Amino acid sequence: MANIAKLEFPALNITGDNYMSWTAHVKRHLKSMGVLNAITEGNYFEEQDREKAYVFLHKHIDEMLQFEYSNCENPYVLWEDLKSRFDHQKELLLLTARDELNNLRFQDFKKVNEYASALFRICSTLQFCGPTVTEEDMLEKTFSTFHASNIATPI
């Protein structure tokens, strides 16, 4: 049977590796549906709105997670359980991005735009996780990776 209800975005994986992007999508969609407060503590909605938020959350998680949380009927409880289970992803992203930045070398790339793309991707990840990366930081990283023979000496 064809999937009757199409997903608006990818469901949360059982591993949680897409948790960060998933939460951003969920918050935007729940806000557009007018039920974002259903995932915050102390907010009580009409049963219909609470169920709308729960069905949306439940539909956008992996089948194994759906089975695991099949007895949970409160969207706030489901949200908090998933948060406690997967919210550590930001720390993992931060560690990975810092490691990638430390190992990034200009000479490892054949084209400048490939290096720039990798640098911007890493810096975007760092900024998403908290630390602010300035243009000055990116330039310093680039210059520090040049081989000594490629650096012009002042006259």
Protein backbone atom coordinates (compact mmCIF):
# COMPACT_ATOMS: atom_id res chain seq x y z
CA MET A 1 0.00 0.00 0.00
CA ALA A 2 1.31 3.45 -0.87
CA ASN A 3 2.30 5.86 1.86
CA ILE A 4 -0.95 7.75 2.38
CA ALA A 5 0.46 10.49 4.60
CA LYS A 6 3.66 11.89 3.13
CA LEU A 7 6.33 13.07 5.53
CA GLU A 8 7.11 16.78 5.45
CA PHE A 9 10.77 16.02 6.28
CA PRO A 10 12.86 12.91 7.11
CA ALA A 11 11.82 11.03 10.23
CA LEU A 12 14.09 10.88 13.26
CA ASN A 13 16.49 7.95 12.82
CA ILE A 14 16.74 5.27 15.47
CA THR A 15 20.41 6.29 15.89
CA GLY A 16 19.47 9.95 16.36
CA ASP A 17 22.12 11.14 13.93
CA ASN A 18 19.65 13.56 12.35
CA TYR A 19 18.25 14.78 15.69
CA MET A 20 19.49 18.37 15.37
CA SER A 21 17.91 19.01 11.96
CA TRP A 22 14.82 17.00 12.96
CA THR A 23 14.13 19.22 15.99
CA ALA A 24 14.40 22.36 13.86
CA HIS A 25 11.89 20.93 11.35
CA VAL A 26 9.51 19.77 14.09
CA LYS A 27 9.51 23.14 15.85
CA ARG A 28 8.78 25.01 12.61
CA HIS A 29 5.95 22.67 11.65
CA LEU A 30 4.36 22.61 15.10
CA LYS A 31 4.52 26.41 15.18
CA SER A 32 2.84 26.62 11.77
CA MET A 33 0.13 24.27 13.07
CA GLY A 34 -0.35 26.47 16.14
CA VAL A 35 0.56 23.73 18.62
CA LEU A 36 4.24 24.42 19.40
CA ASN A 37 3.45 24.94 23.09
CA ALA A 38 2.29 21.32 23.29
CA ILE A 39 5.96 20.32 23.67
CA THR A 40 6.68 22.76 26.50
CA GLU A 41 6.08 22.02 30.17
CA GLY A 42 3.00 23.40 31.86
CA ASN A 43 1.06 24.24 28.71
CA TYR A 44 -2.28 22.54 28.56
CA PHE A 45 -4.14 22.39 25.30
CA GLU A 46 -7.46 21.13 24.21
CA GLU A 47 -7.28 17.41 23.67
CA GLN A 48 -7.60 17.82 19.91
CA ASP A 49 -4.54 20.12 19.70
CA ARG A 50 -2.50 17.88 21.98
CA GLU A 51 -3.37 14.88 19.82
CA LYS A 52 -2.50 16.81 16.67
CA ALA A 53 0.98 17.53 18.05
CA TYR A 54 1.40 13.93 19.23
CA VAL A 55 0.37 12.43 15.88
CA PHE A 56 2.75 14.77 14.08
CA LEU A 57 5.66 13.82 16.35
CA HIS A 58 4.85 10.13 16.23
CA LYS A 59 4.59 10.17 12.43
CA HIS A 60 8.04 11.76 12.13
CA ILE A 61 10.06 9.24 14.13
CA ASP A 62 11.55 5.91 13.06
CA GLU A 63 9.26 2.87 13.16
CA MET A 64 11.24 1.31 16.01
CA LEU A 65 10.93 4.53 18.02
CA GLN A 66 7.21 4.57 17.25
CA PHE A 67 6.92 1.08 18.69
CA GLU A 68 9.02 1.98 21.73
CA TYR A 69 6.93 5.08 22.47
CA SER A 70 3.55 3.60 21.49
CA ASN A 71 2.28 3.86 25.09
CA CYS A 72 3.28 7.50 25.44
CA GLU A 73 0.35 9.76 24.57
CA ASN A 74 1.63 13.12 25.78
CA PRO A 75 3.64 15.10 23.18
CA TYR A 76 5.61 16.88 25.91
CA VAL A 77 6.70 13.59 27.49
CA LEU A 78 7.64 12.17 24.07
CA TRP A 79 9.61 15.33 23.22
CA GLU A 80 11.49 15.29 26.52
CA ASP A 81 12.27 11.56 26.28
CA LEU A 82 13.69 12.00 22.78
CA LYS A 83 15.63 15.04 23.96
CA SER A 84 17.21 13.19 26.87
CA ARG A 85 18.08 10.33 24.54
CA PHE A 86 19.53 12.26 21.58
CA ASP A 87 20.35 15.83 22.65
CA HIS A 88 24.02 14.94 23.12
CA GLN A 89 24.37 15.09 19.32
CA LYS A 90 25.36 18.76 19.54
CA GLU A 91 28.41 17.89 21.64
CA LEU A 92 29.38 15.15 19.20
CA LEU A 93 29.00 17.55 16.27
CA LEU A 94 31.15 20.10 18.07
CA LEU A 95 33.92 17.59 18.77
CA THR A 96 33.84 16.32 15.19
CA ALA A 97 33.89 19.84 13.72
CA ARG A 98 36.81 20.89 15.94
CA ASP A 99 38.74 17.79 14.91
CA GLU A 100 38.00 18.43 11.22
CA LEU A 101 39.13 22.04 11.58
CA ASN A 102 42.36 20.99 13.28
CA ASN A 103 43.11 18.54 10.45
CA LEU A 104 42.04 20.82 7.59
CA ARG A 105 44.98 21.72 5.35
CA PHE A 106 44.89 23.97 2.31
CA GLN A 107 47.39 21.82 0.42
CA ASP A 108 45.13 18.74 0.75
CA PHE A 109 42.75 20.20 -1.83
CA LYS A 110 43.24 20.45 -5.59
CA LYS A 111 40.97 23.49 -5.94
CA VAL A 112 40.56 26.56 -3.78
CA ASN A 113 36.77 26.34 -3.88
CA GLU A 114 36.89 22.77 -2.52
CA TYR A 115 38.93 23.99 0.44
CA ALA A 116 36.64 26.99 0.94
CA SER A 117 33.57 24.73 0.84
CA ALA A 118 35.03 22.40 3.45
CA LEU A 119 36.06 25.34 5.65
CA PHE A 120 32.60 26.97 5.47
CA ARG A 121 30.86 23.66 6.20
CA ILE A 122 33.01 23.12 9.30
CA CYS A 123 32.58 26.72 10.46
CA SER A 124 28.81 26.51 9.98
CA THR A 125 28.74 23.40 12.14
CA LEU A 126 30.82 25.14 14.81
CA GLN A 127 28.52 28.17 14.79
CA PHE A 128 25.47 25.90 15.03
CA CYS A 129 26.98 24.28 18.13
CA GLY A 130 27.80 27.55 19.83
CA PRO A 131 31.30 28.90 19.21
CA THR A 132 31.35 31.98 17.00
CA VAL A 133 33.78 31.73 14.09
CA THR A 134 34.84 35.04 12.56
CA GLU A 135 36.16 35.72 9.11
CA GLU A 136 39.46 36.54 10.79
CA ASP A 137 39.53 33.04 12.32
CA MET A 138 38.93 31.46 8.93
CA LEU A 139 41.68 33.51 7.30
CA GLU A 140 44.10 32.66 10.10
CA LYS A 141 43.30 28.96 9.69
CA THR A 142 43.91 29.19 5.94
CA PHE A 143 47.20 31.07 6.24
CA SER A 144 48.46 28.79 9.00
CA THR A 145 48.08 25.74 6.73
CA PHE A 146 50.17 27.11 3.86
CA HIS A 147 53.43 25.31 3.32
CA ALA A 148 56.43 27.46 4.25
CA SER A 149 57.71 27.43 0.66
CA ASN A 150 54.47 29.06 -0.51
CA ILE A 151 54.69 32.02 1.84
CA ALA A 152 56.33 35.12 0.40
CA THR A 153 58.93 36.69 2.64
CA PRO A 154 58.94 40.48 3.02
CA ILE A 155 61.74 42.36 1.32
